[in-house]
C-alpha atoms as a PDB file:
ATOM      1  CA  MET A   1      27.280  37.818  -9.399  1.00  0.00           C
ATOM      2  CA  ARG A   2      26.940  34.076  -9.987  1.00  0.00           C
ATOM      3  CA  GLN A   3      28.850  31.613  -7.841  1.00  0.00           C
ATOM      4  CA  THR A   4      31.900  30.252  -9.690  1.00  0.00           C
ATOM      5  CA  CYS A   5      33.577  26.972  -8.727  1.00  0.00           C
ATOM      6  CA  ILE A   6      37.192  26.333  -9.715  1.00  0.00           C
ATOM      7  CA  GLU A   7      38.457  22.767  -9.735  1.00  0.00           C
ATOM      8  CA  ARG A   8      40.770  20.395 -11.493  1.00  0.00           C
ATOM      9  CA  ALA A   9      39.307  19.162 -14.783  1.00  0.00           C
ATOM     10  CA  ASN A  10      38.051  15.624 -15.140  1.00  0.00           C
ATOM     11  CA  PRO A  11      37.900  13.553 -18.317  1.00  0.00           C
ATOM     12  CA  SER A  12      34.239  14.351 -18.901  1.00  0.00           C
ATOM     13  CA  ASP A  13      35.245  18.019 -19.273  1.00  0.00           C
ATOM     14  CA  LEU A  14      37.427  17.333 -22.332  1.00  0.00           C
ATOM     15  CA  PRO A  15      34.824  17.983 -25.072  1.00  0.00           C
ATOM     16  CA  ARG A  16      34.052  21.418 -23.592  1.00  0.00           C
ATOM     17  CA  ILE A  17      37.732  22.181 -23.060  1.00  0.00           C
ATOM     18  CA  GLN A  18      38.342  21.279 -26.683  1.00  0.00           C
ATOM     19  CA  GLN A  19      35.611  23.793 -27.715  1.00  0.00           C
ATOM     20  CA  LEU A  20      37.276  26.502 -25.638  1.00  0.00           C
ATOM     21  CA  ILE A  21      40.678  25.696 -27.106  1.00  0.00           C
ATOM     22  CA  ARG A  22      39.121  26.199 -30.556  1.00  0.00           C
ATOM     23  CA  LYS A  23      37.742  29.562 -29.523  1.00  0.00           C
ATOM     24  CA  LEU A  24      41.054  30.684 -28.060  1.00  0.00           C
ATOM     25  CA  SER A  25      42.922  29.519 -31.171  1.00  0.00           C
ATOM     26  CA  ALA A  26      40.470  31.354 -33.435  1.00  0.00           C
ATOM     27  CA  PHE A  27      40.927  34.484 -31.362  1.00  0.00           C
ATOM     28  CA  HIS A  28      44.635  34.299 -32.167  1.00  0.00           C
ATOM     29  CA  GLY A  29      44.048  33.616 -35.858  1.00  0.00           C
ATOM     30  CA  ASP A  30      44.988  29.962 -35.554  1.00  0.00           C
ATOM     31  CA  GLU A  31      43.131  26.684 -35.867  1.00  0.00           C
ATOM     32  CA  ALA A  32      43.138  24.187 -33.042  1.00  0.00           C
ATOM     33  CA  GLN A  33      43.987  20.664 -34.176  1.00  0.00           C
ATOM     34  CA  VAL A  34      44.167  18.879 -30.816  1.00  0.00           C
ATOM     35  CA  THR A  35      41.985  15.735 -30.562  1.00  0.00           C
ATOM     36  CA  LEU A  36      40.085  14.491 -27.543  1.00  0.00           C
ATOM     37  CA  GLU A  37      42.487  11.558 -27.366  1.00  0.00           C
ATOM     38  CA  GLN A  38      45.456  13.930 -27.267  1.00  0.00           C
ATOM     39  CA  LEU A  39      43.812  16.013 -24.536  1.00  0.00           C
ATOM     40  CA  GLN A  40      43.140  12.798 -22.546  1.00  0.00           C
ATOM     41  CA  GLU A  41      46.833  11.849 -22.738  1.00  0.00           C
ATOM     42  CA  MET A  42      47.982  15.404 -22.083  1.00  0.00           C
ATOM     43  CA  PHE A  43      45.883  15.982 -18.928  1.00  0.00           C
ATOM     44  CA  PHE A  44      45.258  12.451 -17.635  1.00  0.00           C
ATOM     45  CA  GLY A  45      48.041  10.253 -19.039  1.00  0.00           C
ATOM     46  CA  ASN A  46      50.664   8.586 -16.938  1.00  0.00           C
ATOM     47  CA  PRO A  47      52.664  10.672 -16.638  1.00  0.00           C
ATOM     48  CA  ALA A  48      50.530  13.684 -17.573  1.00  0.00           C
ATOM     49  CA  PRO A  49      52.705  16.573 -18.927  1.00  0.00           C
ATOM     50  CA  ALA A  50      49.962  19.135 -18.268  1.00  0.00           C
ATOM     51  CA  LEU A  51      47.028  19.795 -16.041  1.00  0.00           C
ATOM     52  CA  ALA A  52      43.781  21.675 -16.527  1.00  0.00           C
ATOM     53  CA  PHE A  53      41.658  23.693 -14.150  1.00  0.00           C
ATOM     54  CA  VAL A  54      38.068  24.602 -14.998  1.00  0.00           C
ATOM     55  CA  ALA A  55      35.644  27.278 -13.912  1.00  0.00           C
ATOM     56  CA  ARG A  56      31.981  26.332 -13.541  1.00  0.00           C
ATOM     57  CA  SER A  57      28.985  28.534 -13.008  1.00  0.00           C
ATOM     58  CA  GLU A  58      25.507  27.099 -12.594  1.00  0.00           C
ATOM     59  CA  GLY A  59      26.786  23.755 -13.882  1.00  0.00           C
ATOM     60  CA  HIS A  60      28.325  25.227 -17.059  1.00  0.00           C
ATOM     61  CA  LEU A  61      32.008  25.190 -17.825  1.00  0.00           C
ATOM     62  CA  ILE A  62      32.814  28.875 -18.480  1.00  0.00           C
ATOM     63  CA  GLY A  63      36.613  28.899 -18.509  1.00  0.00           C
ATOM     64  CA  TYR A  64      39.768  26.894 -18.228  1.00  0.00           C
ATOM     65  CA  ALA A  65      43.467  27.130 -17.595  1.00  0.00           C
ATOM     66  CA  GLY A  66      45.807  24.727 -19.391  1.00  0.00           C
ATOM     67  CA  VAL A  67      49.023  24.432 -17.454  1.00  0.00           C
ATOM     68  CA  LEU A  68      52.308  22.874 -18.587  1.00  0.00           C
ATOM     69  CA  LYS A  69      54.411  21.178 -15.937  1.00  0.00           C
ATOM     70  CA  LYS A  70      58.063  22.085 -16.095  1.00  0.00           C
ATOM     71  CA  LEU A  71      61.200  21.334 -14.169  1.00  0.00           C
ATOM     72  CA  GLN A  72      63.618  24.158 -13.372  1.00  0.00           C
ATOM     73  CA  ILE A  73      66.885  22.355 -13.969  1.00  0.00           C
ATOM     74  CA  HIS A  74      69.023  24.814 -11.989  1.00  0.00           C
ATOM     75  CA  SER A  75      66.977  24.423  -8.814  1.00  0.00           C
ATOM     76  CA  ALA A  76      65.380  21.033  -9.368  1.00  0.00           C
ATOM     77  CA  ARG A  77      62.062  22.665  -8.369  1.00  0.00           C
ATOM     78  CA  PRO A  78      58.857  22.175 -10.257  1.00  0.00           C
ATOM     79  CA  GLY A  79      57.623  24.973 -12.475  1.00  0.00           C
ATOM     80  CA  PHE A  80      54.231  25.692 -14.015  1.00  0.00           C
ATOM     81  CA  ASP A  81      53.369  27.772 -17.075  1.00  0.00           C
ATOM     82  CA  ILE A  82      49.766  28.716 -17.837  1.00  0.00           C
ATOM     83  CA  GLN A  83      49.849  28.162 -21.574  1.00  0.00           C
ATOM     84  CA  HIS A  84      46.110  28.675 -22.059  1.00  0.00           C
ATOM     85  CA  LEU A  85      43.720  30.827 -20.102  1.00  0.00           C
ATOM     86  CA  TYR A  86      40.285  31.311 -21.576  1.00  0.00           C
ATOM     87  CA  VAL A  87      37.058  32.677 -20.121  1.00  0.00           C
ATOM     88  CA  CYS A  88      33.813  32.745 -22.115  1.00  0.00           C
ATOM     89  CA  GLU A  89      32.832  36.226 -23.226  1.00  0.00           C
ATOM     90  CA  ARG A  90      29.707  36.365 -21.026  1.00  0.00           C
ATOM     91  CA  ALA A  91      31.815  35.599 -17.915  1.00  0.00           C
ATOM     92  CA  ARG A  92      34.673  38.017 -18.481  1.00  0.00           C
ATOM     93  CA  ALA A  93      35.475  40.829 -16.068  1.00  0.00           C
ATOM     94  CA  GLN A  94      33.857  38.876 -13.217  1.00  0.00           C
ATOM     95  CA  GLY A  95      37.002  37.480 -11.582  1.00  0.00           C
ATOM     96  CA  VAL A  96      36.956  34.088 -13.315  1.00  0.00           C
ATOM     97  CA  GLY A  97      40.417  34.449 -14.828  1.00  0.00           C
ATOM     98  CA  ARG A  98      41.762  35.680 -11.493  1.00  0.00           C
ATOM     99  CA  ALA A  99      40.207  32.660  -9.740  1.00  0.00           C
ATOM    100  CA  LEU A 100      41.733  30.233 -12.294  1.00  0.00           C
ATOM    101  CA  ILE A 101      45.195  31.787 -11.830  1.00  0.00           C
ATOM    102  CA  SER A 102      44.733  31.662  -8.062  1.00  0.00           C
ATOM    103  CA  ALA A 103      43.957  27.932  -8.212  1.00  0.00           C
ATOM    104  CA  VAL A 104      47.108  27.341 -10.291  1.00  0.00           C
ATOM    105  CA  LYS A 105      49.117  29.339  -7.755  1.00  0.00           C
ATOM    106  CA  VAL A 106      47.843  27.163  -4.883  1.00  0.00           C
ATOM    107  CA  HIS A 107      48.620  23.975  -6.787  1.00  0.00           C
ATOM    108  CA  ALA A 108      52.102  25.218  -7.715  1.00  0.00           C
ATOM    109  CA  SER A 109      52.816  26.275  -4.121  1.00  0.00           C
ATOM    110  CA  ASP A 110      51.705  22.913  -2.795  1.00  0.00           C
ATOM    111  CA  ALA A 111      54.048  21.233  -5.313  1.00  0.00           C
ATOM    112  CA  GLY A 112      57.014  23.309  -4.106  1.00  0.00           C
ATOM    113  CA  ALA A 113      57.253  25.739  -7.050  1.00  0.00           C
ATOM    114  CA  LYS A 114      58.642  29.224  -6.541  1.00  0.00           C
ATOM    115  CA  GLY A 115      56.129  30.798  -8.904  1.00  0.00           C
ATOM    116  CA  ILE A 116      54.129  30.395 -12.076  1.00  0.00           C
ATOM    117  CA  SER A 117      54.362  32.034 -15.497  1.00  0.00           C
ATOM    118  CA  ILE A 118      51.809  33.101 -18.037  1.00  0.00           C
ATOM    119  CA  GLY A 119      52.201  34.761 -21.437  1.00  0.00           C
ATOM    120  CA  THR A 120      50.051  36.547 -23.934  1.00  0.00           C
ATOM    121  CA  ALA A 121      50.290  37.755 -27.455  1.00  0.00           C
ATOM    122  CA  PRO A 122      52.184  41.060 -27.780  1.00  0.00           C
ATOM    123  CA  ASP A 123      49.081  42.752 -29.197  1.00  0.00           C
ATOM    124  CA  ASN A 124      46.665  41.472 -26.520  1.00  0.00           C
ATOM    125  CA  ALA A 125      46.555  44.646 -24.453  1.00  0.00           C
ATOM    126  CA  THR A 126      43.409  43.524 -22.590  1.00  0.00           C
ATOM    127  CA  ALA A 127      45.089  40.423 -21.185  1.00  0.00           C
ATOM    128  CA  GLN A 128      48.244  42.366 -20.365  1.00  0.00           C
ATOM    129  CA  ALA A 129      46.230  44.977 -18.452  1.00  0.00           C
ATOM    130  CA  ALA A 130      44.329  42.247 -16.617  1.00  0.00           C
ATOM    131  CA  TYR A 131      47.520  40.482 -15.589  1.00  0.00           C
ATOM    132  CA  ARG A 132      49.058  43.719 -14.378  1.00  0.00           C
ATOM    133  CA  GLY A 133      45.877  44.492 -12.499  1.00  0.00           C
ATOM    134  CA  MET A 134      46.148  41.117 -10.749  1.00  0.00           C
ATOM    135  CA  GLY A 135      49.661  42.049  -9.579  1.00  0.00           C
ATOM    136  CA  LEU A 136      51.545  39.758 -11.936  1.00  0.00           C
ATOM    137  CA  GLU A 137      55.080  40.979 -12.599  1.00  0.00           C
ATOM    138  CA  GLU A 138      56.035  41.459 -16.226  1.00  0.00           C
ATOM    139  CA  ILE A 139      59.137  39.514 -17.221  1.00  0.00           C
ATOM    140  CA  THR A 140      61.080  41.566 -19.715  1.00  0.00           C
ATOM    141  CA  ASP A 141      64.618  40.418 -19.066  1.00  0.00           C
ATOM    142  CA  SER A 142      64.218  36.716 -19.723  1.00  0.00           C
ATOM    143  CA  GLY A 143      66.210  37.060 -22.959  1.00  0.00           C
ATOM    144  CA  PRO A 144      65.375  36.204 -26.506  1.00  0.00           C
ATOM    145  CA  ARG A 145      63.879  32.839 -27.328  1.00  0.00           C
ATOM    146  CA  PHE A 146      64.231  31.143 -30.665  1.00  0.00           C
ATOM    147  CA  TRP A 147      62.269  28.558 -32.645  1.00  0.00           C
ATOM    148  CA  ILE A 148      63.073  26.280 -35.568  1.00  0.00           C
ATOM    149  CA  GLU A 149      60.447  24.454 -37.605  1.00  0.00           C
ATOM    150  CA  ILE A 150      60.984  20.705 -37.890  1.00  0.00           C
ATOM    151  CA  SER A 151      59.733  19.416 -41.239  1.00  0.00           C
END
């Protein structure tokens, strides 16, 4: 197995992260529209509302985790939600996703968070099985959520 390094993304990673976002969006039948400028502001702005972790193997970026920063109002503690987790096909089932989630857990713990959350599409049985296999607890009682389009 190749050595994989997990670290916080840096601005030079943004073009590759954008490519991976496009792949993830296409997998879900969507089209990514985020620009490099928007990613720069999102991950490196002041303040940055999100952070990114990347996985590298032999100098190649093979996966990333895009994490939204949240504040849990009731406890005033930070919260973190992994909104994107993507590992290139050739690197799947090798522990890369697990390592990315682990890095987010360490960061969240250091920041004082109680835990992290991650979601997946209801029909993505592979991701659901992987998360269960990693020991993540399924949240089924969080209640309905609603959405309204703003024209």
